[in-house]
Structures are given as structure tokens and as C-alpha cells.
C-alpha atoms as a PDB file:
ATOM      1  CA  UNK A   1     189.290  71.636 147.430  1.00  0.00           C
ATOM      2  CA  UNK A   2     190.769  75.158 147.178  1.00  0.00           C
ATOM      3  CA  UNK A   3     188.885  77.844 145.181  1.00  0.00           C
ATOM      4  CA  UNK A   4     190.453  78.787 141.929  1.00  0.00           C
ATOM      5  CA  UNK A   5     192.383  82.003 141.903  1.00  0.00           C
ATOM      6  CA  UNK A   6     191.457  85.118 139.956  1.00  0.00           C
ATOM      7  CA  UNK A   7     193.799  84.149 137.040  1.00  0.00           C
ATOM      8  CA  UNK A   8     192.608  80.521 136.865  1.00  0.00           C
ATOM      9  CA  UNK A   9     190.567  80.622 133.742  1.00  0.00           C
ATOM     10  CA  UNK A  10     191.288  77.121 132.767  1.00  0.00           C
ATOM     11  CA  UNK A  11     188.439  75.251 134.534  1.00  0.00           C
ATOM     12  CA  UNK A  12     185.381  77.315 133.580  1.00  0.00           C
ATOM     13  CA  UNK A  13     186.448  77.763 129.956  1.00  0.00           C
ATOM     14  CA  UNK A  14     187.356  74.083 129.526  1.00  0.00           C
ATOM     15  CA  UNK A  15     184.055  73.035 131.144  1.00  0.00           C
ATOM     16  CA  UNK A  16     182.112  75.309 128.867  1.00  0.00           C
ATOM     17  CA  UNK A  17     183.960  74.127 125.755  1.00  0.00           C
ATOM     18  CA  UNK A  18     183.251  70.548 126.756  1.00  0.00           C
ATOM     19  CA  UNK A  19     179.571  70.871 127.498  1.00  0.00           C
ATOM     20  CA  UNK A  20     178.782  73.316 124.680  1.00  0.00           C
ATOM     21  CA  UNK A  21     181.144  72.440 121.896  1.00  0.00           C
ATOM     22  CA  UNK A  22     178.408  72.849 119.232  1.00  0.00           C
ATOM     23  CA  UNK A  23     177.488  76.320 120.393  1.00  0.00           C
ATOM     24  CA  UNK A  24     181.226  77.282 120.684  1.00  0.00           C
ATOM     25  CA  UNK A  25     181.812  76.227 117.000  1.00  0.00           C
ATOM     26  CA  UNK A  26     178.513  77.658 115.723  1.00  0.00           C
ATOM     27  CA  UNK A  27     179.420  81.085 117.252  1.00  0.00           C
ATOM     28  CA  UNK A  28     183.180  81.401 116.532  1.00  0.00           C
ATOM     29  CA  UNK A  29     183.794  78.907 113.664  1.00  0.00           C
ATOM     30  CA  UNK A  30     180.552  78.414 111.729  1.00  0.00           C
ATOM     31  CA  UNK A  31     182.158  76.912 108.750  1.00  0.00           C
ATOM     32  CA  UNK A  32     183.727  74.178 110.820  1.00  0.00           C
ATOM     33  CA  UNK A  33     180.396  73.643 112.712  1.00  0.00           C
ATOM     34  CA  UNK A  34     178.503  73.253 109.353  1.00  0.00           C
ATOM     35  CA  UNK A  35     181.041  70.609 108.044  1.00  0.00           C
ATOM     36  CA  UNK A  36     180.747  68.311 111.114  1.00  0.00           C
ATOM     37  CA  UNK A  37     178.155  65.450 111.323  1.00  0.00           C
ATOM     38  CA  UNK A  38     176.689  66.160 114.670  1.00  0.00           C
ATOM     39  CA  UNK A  39     174.407  63.027 114.429  1.00  0.00           C
ATOM     40  CA  UNK A  40     177.553  60.971 115.197  1.00  0.00           C
ATOM     41  CA  UNK A  41     179.130  61.183 118.677  1.00  0.00           C
ATOM     42  CA  UNK A  42     182.209  63.356 119.224  1.00  0.00           C
ATOM     43  CA  UNK A  43     184.941  62.236 121.717  1.00  0.00           C
ATOM     44  CA  UNK A  44     187.209  64.576 123.691  1.00  0.00           C
ATOM     45  CA  UNK A  45     190.752  63.361 123.922  1.00  0.00           C
ATOM     46  CA  UNK A  46     192.078  65.484 126.878  1.00  0.00           C
ATOM     47  CA  UNK A  47     194.329  62.903 128.414  1.00  0.00           C
ATOM     48  CA  UNK A  48     195.749  62.143 124.964  1.00  0.00           C
ATOM     49  CA  UNK A  49     196.369  65.824 124.352  1.00  0.00           C
ATOM     50  CA  UNK A  50     198.142  66.196 127.702  1.00  0.00           C
ATOM     51  CA  UNK A  51     200.441  63.403 126.697  1.00  0.00           C
ATOM     52  CA  UNK A  52     201.079  64.641 123.272  1.00  0.00           C
ATOM     53  CA  UNK A  53     201.747  68.249 124.182  1.00  0.00           C
ATOM     54  CA  UNK A  54     203.076  67.784 127.608  1.00  0.00           C
ATOM     55  CA  UNK A  55     206.255  69.845 127.091  1.00  0.00           C
ATOM     56  CA  UNK A  56     204.895  72.580 124.926  1.00  0.00           C
ATOM     57  CA  UNK A  57     204.873  76.014 126.422  1.00  0.00           C
ATOM     58  CA  UNK A  58     201.635  76.797 128.292  1.00  0.00           C
ATOM     59  CA  UNK A  59     201.512  80.650 127.732  1.00  0.00           C
ATOM     60  CA  UNK A  60     198.346  82.113 129.110  1.00  0.00           C
ATOM     61  CA  UNK A  61     195.951  79.685 127.464  1.00  0.00           C
ATOM     62  CA  UNK A  62     192.364  79.632 128.683  1.00  0.00           C
ATOM     63  CA  UNK A  63     191.527  76.233 127.275  1.00  0.00           C
ATOM     64  CA  UNK A  64     192.908  73.616 124.848  1.00  0.00           C
ATOM     65  CA  UNK A  65     190.985  70.571 123.519  1.00  0.00           C
ATOM     66  CA  UNK A  66     191.492  67.768 121.138  1.00  0.00           C
ATOM     67  CA  UNK A  67     188.187  66.285 119.805  1.00  0.00           C
ATOM     68  CA  UNK A  68     187.482  63.385 117.458  1.00  0.00           C
ATOM     69  CA  UNK A  69     184.570  64.142 115.031  1.00  0.00           C
ATOM     70  CA  UNK A  70     183.031  62.884 111.843  1.00  0.00           C
ATOM     71  CA  UNK A  71     182.507  65.040 108.707  1.00  0.00           C
ATOM     72  CA  UNK A  72     179.284  65.284 106.720  1.00  0.00           C
ATOM     73  CA  UNK A  73     181.209  63.843 103.671  1.00  0.00           C
ATOM     74  CA  UNK A  74     179.788  60.481 104.583  1.00  0.00           C
ATOM     75  CA  UNK A  75     183.277  58.954 105.140  1.00  0.00           C
ATOM     76  CA  UNK A  76     183.720  56.425 107.812  1.00  0.00           C
ATOM     77  CA  UNK A  77     187.047  57.941 108.775  1.00  0.00           C
ATOM     78  CA  UNK A  78     187.107  60.403 111.670  1.00  0.00           C
ATOM     79  CA  UNK A  79     189.146  63.577 111.933  1.00  0.00           C
ATOM     80  CA  UNK A  80     190.547  65.678 114.769  1.00  0.00           C
ATOM     81  CA  UNK A  81     189.790  69.200 115.943  1.00  0.00           C
ATOM     82  CA  UNK A  82     192.548  70.991 117.992  1.00  0.00           C
ATOM     83  CA  UNK A  83     191.038  73.966 119.777  1.00  0.00           C
ATOM     84  CA  UNK A  84     192.890  76.743 121.657  1.00  0.00           C
ATOM     85  CA  UNK A  85     191.505  79.746 123.619  1.00  0.00           C
ATOM     86  CA  UNK A  86     194.331  82.148 124.240  1.00  0.00           C
ATOM     87  CA  UNK A  87     194.191  84.868 126.913  1.00  0.00           C
ATOM     88  CA  UNK A  88     197.108  87.165 126.136  1.00  0.00           C
ATOM     89  CA  UNK A  89     199.576  87.956 123.406  1.00  0.00           C
ATOM     90  CA  UNK A  90     202.186  85.124 123.212  1.00  0.00           C
ATOM     91  CA  UNK A  91     204.941  84.995 120.563  1.00  0.00           C
ATOM     92  CA  UNK A  92     205.157  81.226 121.006  1.00  0.00           C
ATOM     93  CA  UNK A  93     201.474  80.585 120.119  1.00  0.00           C
ATOM     94  CA  UNK A  94     201.826  79.740 116.475  1.00  0.00           C
ATOM     95  CA  UNK A  95     204.674  77.347 117.077  1.00  0.00           C
ATOM     96  CA  UNK A  96     202.750  75.651 119.961  1.00  0.00           C
ATOM     97  CA  UNK A  97     199.646  75.185 117.691  1.00  0.00           C
ATOM     98  CA  UNK A  98     201.876  73.771 114.993  1.00  0.00           C
ATOM     99  CA  UNK A  99     203.630  71.384 117.461  1.00  0.00           C
ATOM    100  CA  UNK A 100     200.184  70.074 118.809  1.00  0.00           C
ATOM    101  CA  UNK A 101     198.891  69.691 115.286  1.00  0.00           C
ATOM    102  CA  UNK A 102     201.785  67.607 113.929  1.00  0.00           C
ATOM    103  CA  UNK A 103     202.022  65.545 117.051  1.00  0.00           C
ATOM    104  CA  UNK A 104     198.309  64.774 116.940  1.00  0.00           C
ATOM    105  CA  UNK A 105     198.549  63.715 113.294  1.00  0.00           C
ATOM    106  CA  UNK A 106     201.715  61.655 114.041  1.00  0.00           C
ATOM    107  CA  UNK A 107     199.876  59.792 116.773  1.00  0.00           C
ATOM    108  CA  UNK A 108     196.553  59.176 115.038  1.00  0.00           C
ATOM    109  CA  UNK A 109     197.402  59.510 111.258  1.00  0.00           C
ATOM    110  CA  UNK A 110     194.276  61.445 110.749  1.00  0.00           C
ATOM    111  CA  UNK A 111     193.722  64.970 109.426  1.00  0.00           C
ATOM    112  CA  UNK A 112     193.866  67.649 112.178  1.00  0.00           C
ATOM    113  CA  UNK A 113     192.195  71.116 111.980  1.00  0.00           C
ATOM    114  CA  UNK A 114     193.587  73.745 114.546  1.00  0.00           C
ATOM    115  CA  UNK A 115     191.160  76.507 115.511  1.00  0.00           C
ATOM    116  CA  UNK A 116     192.350  79.308 117.766  1.00  0.00           C
ATOM    117  CA  UNK A 117     190.269  81.810 119.710  1.00  0.00           C
ATOM    118  CA  UNK A 118     192.151  85.025 120.825  1.00  0.00           C
ATOM    119  CA  UNK A 119     190.878  86.873 123.997  1.00  0.00           C
ATOM    120  CA  UNK A 120     193.642  89.411 124.283  1.00  0.00           C
ATOM    121  CA  UNK A 121     193.475  93.114 124.199  1.00  0.00           C
ATOM    122  CA  UNK A 122     195.619  93.806 121.051  1.00  0.00           C
ATOM    123  CA  UNK A 123     193.717  94.580 117.822  1.00  0.00           C
ATOM    124  CA  UNK A 124     196.711  93.952 115.669  1.00  0.00           C
ATOM    125  CA  UNK A 125     197.976  90.677 117.068  1.00  0.00           C
ATOM    126  CA  UNK A 126     196.490  87.970 114.723  1.00  0.00           C
ATOM    127  CA  UNK A 127     198.930  84.976 114.397  1.00  0.00           C
ATOM    128  CA  UNK A 128     197.426  82.534 111.900  1.00  0.00           C
ATOM    129  CA  UNK A 129     200.283  80.442 110.710  1.00  0.00           C
ATOM    130  CA  UNK A 130     203.675  78.865 111.470  1.00  0.00           C
ATOM    131  CA  UNK A 131     206.176  78.315 108.679  1.00  0.00           C
ATOM    132  CA  UNK A 132     209.766  78.006 107.717  1.00  0.00           C
ATOM    133  CA  UNK A 133     211.856  77.212 104.505  1.00  0.00           C
ATOM    134  CA  UNK A 134     215.216  75.558 104.455  1.00  0.00           C
ATOM    135  CA  UNK A 135     217.228  74.317 101.442  1.00  0.00           C
ATOM    136  CA  UNK A 136     214.323  73.982  99.137  1.00  0.00           C
ATOM    137  CA  UNK A 137     212.090  72.405 101.820  1.00  0.00           C
ATOM    138  CA  UNK A 138     209.042  74.220 103.219  1.00  0.00           C
ATOM    139  CA  UNK A 139     206.897  73.541 106.304  1.00  0.00           C
ATOM    140  CA  UNK A 140     203.706  75.465 106.888  1.00  0.00           C
ATOM    141  CA  UNK A 141     200.606  75.337 108.915  1.00  0.00           C
ATOM    142  CA  UNK A 142     197.740  77.771 108.629  1.00  0.00           C
ATOM    143  CA  UNK A 143     195.025  77.670 111.311  1.00  0.00           C
ATOM    144  CA  UNK A 144     191.523  79.157 111.573  1.00  0.00           C
ATOM    145  CA  UNK A 145     191.391  82.251 113.791  1.00  0.00           C
ATOM    146  CA  UNK A 146     188.741  84.153 115.615  1.00  0.00           C
ATOM    147  CA  UNK A 147     189.168  87.200 117.857  1.00  0.00           C
ATOM    148  CA  UNK A 148     186.858  88.415 120.677  1.00  0.00           C
ATOM    149  CA  UNK A 149     187.688  92.107 119.906  1.00  0.00           C
ATOM    150  CA  UNK A 150     186.127  91.675 116.428  1.00  0.00           C
ATOM    151  CA  UNK A 151     182.707  91.284 118.113  1.00  0.00           C
ATOM    152  CA  UNK A 152     182.911  94.662 119.798  1.00  0.00           C
ATOM    153  CA  UNK A 153     180.786  96.417 117.104  1.00  0.00           C
ATOM    154  CA  UNK A 154     178.103  93.808 117.708  1.00  0.00           C
ATOM    155  CA  UNK A 155     178.089  94.143 121.489  1.00  0.00           C
ATOM    156  CA  UNK A 156     174.402  95.391 121.906  1.00  0.00           C
ATOM    157  CA  UNK A 157     173.225  92.565 119.501  1.00  0.00           C
ATOM    158  CA  UNK A 158     175.200  89.903 121.450  1.00  0.00           C
ATOM    159  CA  UNK A 159     173.129  90.633 124.507  1.00  0.00           C
ATOM    160  CA  UNK A 160     169.949  89.341 122.696  1.00  0.00           C
ATOM    161  CA  UNK A 161     171.490  86.313 120.913  1.00  0.00           C
ATOM    162  CA  UNK A 162     170.601  82.826 122.126  1.00  0.00           C
ATOM    163  CA  UNK A 163     173.961  81.269 121.711  1.00  0.00           C
ATOM    164  CA  UNK A 164     175.581  81.228 125.269  1.00  0.00           C
ATOM    165  CA  UNK A 165     178.954  82.199 123.788  1.00  0.00           C
ATOM    166  CA  UNK A 166     177.427  85.528 122.768  1.00  0.00           C
ATOM    167  CA  UNK A 167     177.081  86.350 126.570  1.00  0.00           C
ATOM    168  CA  UNK A 168     180.503  85.123 127.246  1.00  0.00           C
ATOM    169  CA  UNK A 169     181.896  87.302 124.485  1.00  0.00           C
ATOM    170  CA  UNK A 170     179.942  90.253 125.766  1.00  0.00           C
ATOM    171  CA  UNK A 171     181.459  89.607 129.290  1.00  0.00           C
ATOM    172  CA  UNK A 172     185.014  89.560 127.877  1.00  0.00           C
ATOM    173  CA  UNK A 173     184.382  92.811 125.991  1.00  0.00           C
ATOM    174  CA  UNK A 174     182.956  94.498 129.034  1.00  0.00           C
ATOM    175  CA  UNK A 175     185.892  93.282 131.175  1.00  0.00           C
ATOM    176  CA  UNK A 176     188.372  94.684 128.667  1.00  0.00           C
ATOM    177  CA  UNK A 177     186.588  98.076 128.656  1.00  0.00           C
ATOM    178  CA  UNK A 178     186.255  98.282 132.387  1.00  0.00           C
ATOM    179  CA  UNK A 179     189.532  97.265 133.725  1.00  0.00           C
ATOM    180  CA  UNK A 180     189.958 100.410 135.713  1.00  0.00           C
ATOM    181  CA  UNK A 181     186.257 101.147 136.230  1.00  0.00           C
ATOM    182  CA  UNK A 182     184.969  98.682 138.810  1.00  0.00           C
ATOM    183  CA  UNK A 183     181.595 100.287 139.181  1.00  0.00           C
ATOM    184  CA  UNK A 184     180.904 100.081 135.434  1.00  0.00           C
ATOM    185  CA  UNK A 185     182.124  96.528 135.561  1.00  0.00           C
ATOM    186  CA  UNK A 186     179.738  95.895 138.457  1.00  0.00           C
ATOM    187  CA  UNK A 187     176.797  97.283 136.410  1.00  0.00           C
ATOM    188  CA  UNK A 188     177.792  95.150 133.409  1.00  0.00           C
ATOM    189  CA  UNK A 189     178.054  91.968 135.439  1.00  0.00           C
ATOM    190  CA  UNK A 190     174.699  92.563 137.175  1.00  0.00           C
ATOM    191  CA  UNK A 191     173.047  93.271 133.807  1.00  0.00           C
ATOM    192  CA  UNK A 192     174.423  90.072 132.337  1.00  0.00           C
ATOM    193  CA  UNK A 193     173.315  88.046 135.215  1.00  0.00           C
ATOM    194  CA  UNK A 194     169.853  89.333 134.847  1.00  0.00           C
ATOM    195  CA  UNK A 195     169.829  88.534 131.168  1.00  0.00           C
ATOM    196  CA  UNK A 196     171.146  84.938 131.947  1.00  0.00           C
ATOM    197  CA  UNK A 197     168.288  84.524 134.429  1.00  0.00           C
ATOM    198  CA  UNK A 198     165.695  85.495 131.766  1.00  0.00           C
ATOM    199  CA  UNK A 199     166.971  82.812 129.393  1.00  0.00           C
ATOM    200  CA  UNK A 200     164.735  79.767 128.946  1.00  0.00           C
ATOM    201  CA  UNK A 201     167.669  77.485 129.636  1.00  0.00           C
ATOM    202  CA  UNK A 202     168.038  74.559 131.975  1.00  0.00           C
ATOM    203  CA  UNK A 203     169.553  75.135 135.380  1.00  0.00           C
ATOM    204  CA  UNK A 204     172.833  73.436 134.435  1.00  0.00           C
ATOM    205  CA  UNK A 205     173.396  75.532 131.371  1.00  0.00           C
ATOM    206  CA  UNK A 206     172.700  78.732 133.348  1.00  0.00           C
ATOM    207  CA  UNK A 207     175.045  77.910 136.217  1.00  0.00           C
ATOM    208  CA  UNK A 208     177.876  76.840 133.818  1.00  0.00           C
ATOM    209  CA  UNK A 209     177.681  80.108 131.979  1.00  0.00           C
ATOM    210  CA  UNK A 210     177.445  82.016 135.291  1.00  0.00           C
ATOM    211  CA  UNK A 211     180.740  80.494 136.347  1.00  0.00           C
ATOM    212  CA  UNK A 212     182.464  81.624 133.194  1.00  0.00           C
ATOM    213  CA  UNK A 213     181.049  85.058 133.420  1.00  0.00           C
ATOM    214  CA  UNK A 214     182.050  85.324 137.119  1.00  0.00           C
ATOM    215  CA  UNK A 215     185.651  84.398 136.231  1.00  0.00           C
ATOM    216  CA  UNK A 216     185.857  87.060 133.389  1.00  0.00           C
ATOM    217  CA  UNK A 217     184.161  89.967 135.337  1.00  0.00           C
ATOM    218  CA  UNK A 218     186.035  89.751 138.727  1.00  0.00           C
ATOM    219  CA  UNK A 219     185.137  92.588 141.020  1.00  0.00           C
ATOM    220  CA  UNK A 220     186.576  94.096 144.279  1.00  0.00           C
ATOM    221  CA  UNK A 221     185.317  92.273 147.418  1.00  0.00           C
ATOM    222  CA  UNK A 222     183.018  94.968 148.544  1.00  0.00           C
ATOM    223  CA  UNK A 223     181.231  95.183 145.149  1.00  0.00           C
ATOM    224  CA  UNK A 224     181.026  91.369 145.029  1.00  0.00           C
ATOM    225  CA  UNK A 225     179.219  91.593 148.464  1.00  0.00           C
ATOM    226  CA  UNK A 226     176.903  94.283 147.156  1.00  0.00           C
ATOM    227  CA  UNK A 227     176.215  92.076 144.100  1.00  0.00           C
ATOM    228  CA  UNK A 228     175.288  89.226 146.507  1.00  0.00           C
ATOM    229  CA  UNK A 229     172.589  91.396 147.995  1.00  0.00           C
ATOM    230  CA  UNK A 230     171.259  92.153 144.518  1.00  0.00           C
ATOM    231  CA  UNK A 231     171.242  88.557 143.619  1.00  0.00           C
ATOM    232  CA  UNK A 232     169.100  87.705 146.649  1.00  0.00           C
ATOM    233  CA  UNK A 233     166.530  90.135 145.295  1.00  0.00           C
ATOM    234  CA  UNK A 234     166.648  88.442 141.898  1.00  0.00           C
ATOM    235  CA  UNK A 235     166.170  85.091 143.765  1.00  0.00           C
ATOM    236  CA  UNK A 236     162.999  86.678 145.216  1.00  0.00           C
ATOM    237  CA  UNK A 237     161.847  87.359 141.713  1.00  0.00           C
ATOM    238  CA  UNK A 238     162.119  83.670 140.870  1.00  0.00           C
ATOM    239  CA  UNK A 239     165.643  83.656 139.525  1.00  0.00           C
ATOM    240  CA  UNK A 240     167.988  80.687 140.215  1.00  0.00           C
ATOM    241  CA  UNK A 241     170.507  80.886 143.053  1.00  0.00           C
ATOM    242  CA  UNK A 242     173.935  82.304 142.113  1.00  0.00           C
ATOM    243  CA  UNK A 243     176.846  81.013 144.112  1.00  0.00           C
ATOM    244  CA  UNK A 244     180.158  81.011 142.411  1.00  0.00           C
ATOM    245  CA  UNK A 245     181.402  84.554 143.287  1.00  0.00           C
ATOM    246  CA  UNK A 246     180.311  84.308 146.886  1.00  0.00           C
ATOM    247  CA  UNK A 247     181.580  80.870 147.618  1.00  0.00           C
ATOM    248  CA  UNK A 248     184.939  82.008 146.089  1.00  0.00           C
ATOM    249  CA  UNK A 249     185.045  85.114 148.190  1.00  0.00           C
ATOM    250  CA  UNK A 250     184.024  83.250 151.344  1.00  0.00           C
ATOM    251  CA  UNK A 251     186.925  80.813 151.013  1.00  0.00           C
ATOM    252  CA  UNK A 252     189.419  83.521 150.221  1.00  0.00           C
ATOM    253  CA  UNK A 253     188.547  86.028 152.920  1.00  0.00           C
ATOM    254  CA  UNK A 254     186.863  83.853 155.576  1.00  0.00           C
ATOM    255  CA  UNK A 255     183.496  85.575 154.943  1.00  0.00           C
ATOM    256  CA  UNK A 256     181.147  85.320 158.012  1.00  0.00           C
ATOM    257  CA  UNK A 257     177.437  85.532 157.786  1.00  0.00           C
ATOM    258  CA  UNK A 258     177.284  88.854 159.548  1.00  0.00           C
ATOM    259  CA  UNK A 259     179.833  90.648 157.326  1.00  0.00           C
ATOM    260  CA  UNK A 260     177.209  91.871 154.861  1.00  0.00           C
ATOM    261  CA  UNK A 261     175.141  93.418 157.658  1.00  0.00           C
ATOM    262  CA  UNK A 262     178.280  95.113 158.955  1.00  0.00           C
ATOM    263  CA  UNK A 263     178.926  97.131 155.973  1.00  0.00           C
ATOM    264  CA  UNK A 264     178.654 100.779 156.824  1.00  0.00           C
ATOM    265  CA  UNK A 265     175.562 102.600 155.618  1.00  0.00           C
ATOM    266  CA  UNK A 266     177.759 105.308 154.054  1.00  0.00           C
ATOM    267  CA  UNK A 267     179.604 102.755 152.023  1.00  0.00           C
ATOM    268  CA  UNK A 268     176.255 101.296 150.832  1.00  0.00           C
ATOM    269  CA  UNK A 269     175.000 104.662 149.711  1.00  0.00           C
ATOM    270  CA  UNK A 270     178.251 105.458 147.884  1.00  0.00           C
ATOM    271  CA  UNK A 271     178.180 102.200 146.094  1.00  0.00           C
ATOM    272  CA  UNK A 272     174.549 102.817 145.082  1.00  0.00           C
ATOM    273  CA  UNK A 273     175.381 106.149 143.599  1.00  0.00           C
ATOM    274  CA  UNK A 274     178.484 104.772 141.821  1.00  0.00           C
ATOM    275  CA  UNK A 275     176.392 101.838 140.522  1.00  0.00           C
ATOM    276  CA  UNK A 276     173.868 104.337 138.899  1.00  0.00           C
ATOM    277  CA  UNK A 277     176.805 106.244 137.205  1.00  0.00           C
ATOM    278  CA  UNK A 278     178.189 102.909 135.989  1.00  0.00           C
ATOM    279  CA  UNK A 279     174.935 101.711 134.604  1.00  0.00           C
ATOM    280  CA  UNK A 280     174.398 105.106 132.926  1.00  0.00           C
ATOM    281  CA  UNK A 281     177.802 104.956 131.279  1.00  0.00           C
ATOM    282  CA  UNK A 282     177.215 101.311 130.145  1.00  0.00           C
ATOM    283  CA  UNK A 283     173.845 102.060 128.754  1.00  0.00           C
ATOM    284  CA  UNK A 284     175.173 105.171 126.968  1.00  0.00           C
ATOM    285  CA  UNK A 285     177.854 103.038 125.270  1.00  0.00           C
ATOM    286  CA  UNK A 286     175.187 100.476 124.199  1.00  0.00           C
ATOM    287  CA  UNK A 287     172.862 103.118 122.784  1.00  0.00           C
ATOM    288  CA  UNK A 288     175.660 104.842 120.955  1.00  0.00           C
ATOM    289  CA  UNK A 289     176.792 101.538 119.422  1.00  0.00           C
ATOM    290  CA  UNK A 290     173.271 100.706 118.249  1.00  0.00           C
ATOM    291  CA  UNK A 291     171.821 104.085 117.163  1.00  0.00           C
ATOM    292  CA  UNK A 292     174.917 106.469 116.705  1.00  0.00           C
ATOM    293  CA  UNK A 293     175.868 109.720 118.648  1.00  0.00           C
ATOM    294  CA  UNK A 294     173.263 110.506 121.378  1.00  0.00           C
ATOM    295  CA  UNK A 295     171.564 113.954 121.613  1.00  0.00           C
ATOM    296  CA  UNK A 296     172.365 116.028 124.693  1.00  0.00           C
ATOM    297  CA  UNK A 297     168.923 115.574 125.904  1.00  0.00           C
ATOM    298  CA  UNK A 298     169.251 111.700 125.917  1.00  0.00           C
ATOM    299  CA  UNK A 299     172.559 111.921 127.720  1.00  0.00           C
ATOM    300  CA  UNK A 300     171.176 114.249 130.287  1.00  0.00           C
ATOM    301  CA  UNK A 301     168.296 111.814 130.831  1.00  0.00           C
ATOM    302  CA  UNK A 302     170.580 108.936 131.488  1.00  0.00           C
ATOM    303  CA  UNK A 303     172.637 110.915 134.002  1.00  0.00           C
ATOM    304  CA  UNK A 304     169.396 111.814 135.910  1.00  0.00           C
ATOM    305  CA  UNK A 305     167.760 108.355 135.753  1.00  0.00           C
ATOM    306  CA  UNK A 306     167.449 105.972 138.663  1.00  0.00           C
ATOM    307  CA  UNK A 307     169.012 102.522 138.755  1.00  0.00           C
ATOM    308  CA  UNK A 308     165.637 100.830 138.206  1.00  0.00           C
ATOM    309  CA  UNK A 309     164.946 103.093 135.104  1.00  0.00           C
ATOM    310  CA  UNK A 310     168.414 102.380 133.626  1.00  0.00           C
ATOM    311  CA  UNK A 311     167.942  98.657 134.109  1.00  0.00           C
ATOM    312  CA  UNK A 312     164.437  98.808 132.485  1.00  0.00           C
ATOM    313  CA  UNK A 313     165.803 100.692 129.500  1.00  0.00           C
ATOM    314  CA  UNK A 314     168.705  98.325 129.140  1.00  0.00           C
ATOM    315  CA  UNK A 315     166.221  95.410 128.928  1.00  0.00           C
ATOM    316  CA  UNK A 316     164.074  97.263 126.373  1.00  0.00           C
ATOM    317  CA  UNK A 317     167.172  97.848 124.245  1.00  0.00           C
ATOM    318  CA  UNK A 318     167.276  94.131 123.461  1.00  0.00           C
ATOM    319  CA  UNK A 319     164.175  94.413 121.283  1.00  0.00           C
ATOM    320  CA  UNK A 320     164.131  98.042 120.345  1.00  0.00           C
ATOM    321  CA  UNK A 321     164.491  98.893 116.721  1.00  0.00           C
ATOM    322  CA  UNK A 322     164.697 102.704 117.287  1.00  0.00           C
ATOM    323  CA  UNK A 323     165.899 104.875 120.057  1.00  0.00           C
ATOM    324  CA  UNK A 324     162.333 105.966 120.816  1.00  0.00           C
ATOM    325  CA  UNK A 325     161.403 102.301 121.471  1.00  0.00           C
ATOM    326  CA  UNK A 326     163.846 102.176 124.237  1.00  0.00           C
ATOM    327  CA  UNK A 327     161.763 104.596 126.342  1.00  0.00           C
ATOM    328  CA  UNK A 328     158.396 103.292 125.153  1.00  0.00           C
ATOM    329  CA  UNK A 329     155.400 105.216 126.568  1.00  0.00           C
ATOM    330  CA  UNK A 330     157.137 105.846 129.825  1.00  0.00           C
ATOM    331  CA  UNK A 331     155.773 109.000 131.576  1.00  0.00           C
ATOM    332  CA  UNK A 332     153.513 109.616 128.619  1.00  0.00           C
ATOM    333  CA  UNK A 333     156.366 110.477 126.260  1.00  0.00           C
ATOM    334  CA  UNK A 334     157.998 108.626 123.346  1.00  0.00           C
ATOM    335  CA  UNK A 335     161.041 110.875 123.123  1.00  0.00           C
ATOM    336  CA  UNK A 336     163.375 112.137 125.828  1.00  0.00           C
END
């Protein structure tokens, strides 16, 4: 089976949505999550959705789902959730949601709620309805909307939340900010992987989320190889094996076992220096988001820190209530 391409977001997002629907709704659409009776089984209608909307424009959608659920009202009748995750701005989105909504209702004669998550780069693009009027007649669908960009102010807090989609959202935000900064993206991806390994989750959950994060934060080949070496060190610390990036790279470029050893020492040193700069910039952004503008002394300390120090401070940031707590009692000081 060929490896998915860099732009094939469909599989990891759909798998995550299928396995962790409760978490998805609790994080992005809490009102819908609270209204559903989760003691009763929910049923995914993927084949039915494909038949219903087979001729609707695909756009750049990351995932779409049709789910049968029961509400907490106590009624024996079930209802439908139509979920879409949209990757990029698409003028046909609202009409497509409308089409899938009314066709689902037409087939099942059950109420249908459409919920759309936007993962695009445009702060102003927020389609939330499709409507038209003609000769005294009116047709209108308003659907629930969530947007990943809206979580940007909460980025430092997302890294400490238990919901897996908090880390998925953090990965999307990092990818959007680091599109032309591969070393910063490397530092962010490595940091997210370490956070994921620290979670007290089962192996399946961790590997599912790793796959999604891997698809989102795609790195140049040489940085993926460097990350492979770092992951081996994490495995030595008791972390779970991480395979998705490296299996994909191996299939795409015919990676041989000796390739990693064949990297030039100069390239390795340059990557390490670049990694430290990327880690320092990422931590600077996180600290600024949490505590406001940083003093010059703090910025200077970040620039001079080692990769290990930056990683340690980034982990302390998860629980720190003040800037001083990030440094702790390190080197006998409480302030930089």
C-alpha cells in the first residue's frame, strides 16, 4: 500500500474523528457534546454519506462524517450529526454543507445538525450559513462553526490540556506560523512529541495522535532524519516507538539503513545550532503569550541557552503560574 502524500490529510483526520468523536465534540463543540446521550451507542454512516454526497465538490476537506446519535431528551428517536473539517478557504463550502444536510434529511427523515471546523489561514473567513430567497420563498441553513485560529491566544495552555485535540490544534497553529521556518517547525514538532509521550494514555491513542501531528507538521527530509535520531533517544528514556514519519520517508526516497550514519558532521552541527535557535524562538513566543512582553534579560538568556535548557524550561512552562517559576531554582537563581 503506497504511503500517503504530504497533502493527504484525509486518513489521519478521519481516523482521529472516528476513534475520538467524544473528545472532538467536547473540545470544538461543547454544547453539542453536552446534548448527546453518550451512554447509547453512536453509529458512523460513512458509506451512506459517500452515496448521499457523491457528486458534491470535494474542496480541500480534511474529513467529513455522518453520525447517528441520541440526545439526552429521552426521546427514542435518533438524530444525525454532519461533521466537516475544512483545510482551506473554499467559496463552495456553505453550499456543500447545505447539500449534504438536506440530502441526509431526505434519506433518513431525521433532524440533521451540521458542524464545521475550519483549519485555514484566513482570520476573516467564517462561512456559517447558506441561504437564498425567491418569490416570497426562503431557504436557509445556519451551521455551527469553530475555527482553529481562534485558539491561538490559548496556545501555551493547549499544551497542558488533557484533550487530545488540544495537541492537534497546537500542531496546526505551529504549522501555520512556521511555514517558512523549518527549524522552528522542527523544534515545535519535537516538543509536541515529547509532550505526547508524557501523557498517561494507552499506546493506541498516542500512536493515532502522533500520526495526525506528523501529517500536520511535515518537515524537510534532513530534519525528519535528525528527528529520527532524537526519537531513538526518547525511546531509550522509555518512550513508545514513533514510526509514521520515518516509514513515510523510507517509502518515498528509498531510505537505506546507513543513510543516517552518512550525514555529514558539518550538516549535523548546523542542524543542532539551528534547532537551538528554533527552540529559543518557540519558547519566546510561548512565554510572551503567557506572561506578556519579555524583559531584555530574559530574551538574552533564551538566546544563550542550550537545547537541553530550552526543553527543560518548555516543560516547566506547562505548570508555571509566573515567569519566575519557569526557571525554578536553576543555578541558584529564581530570576534571569
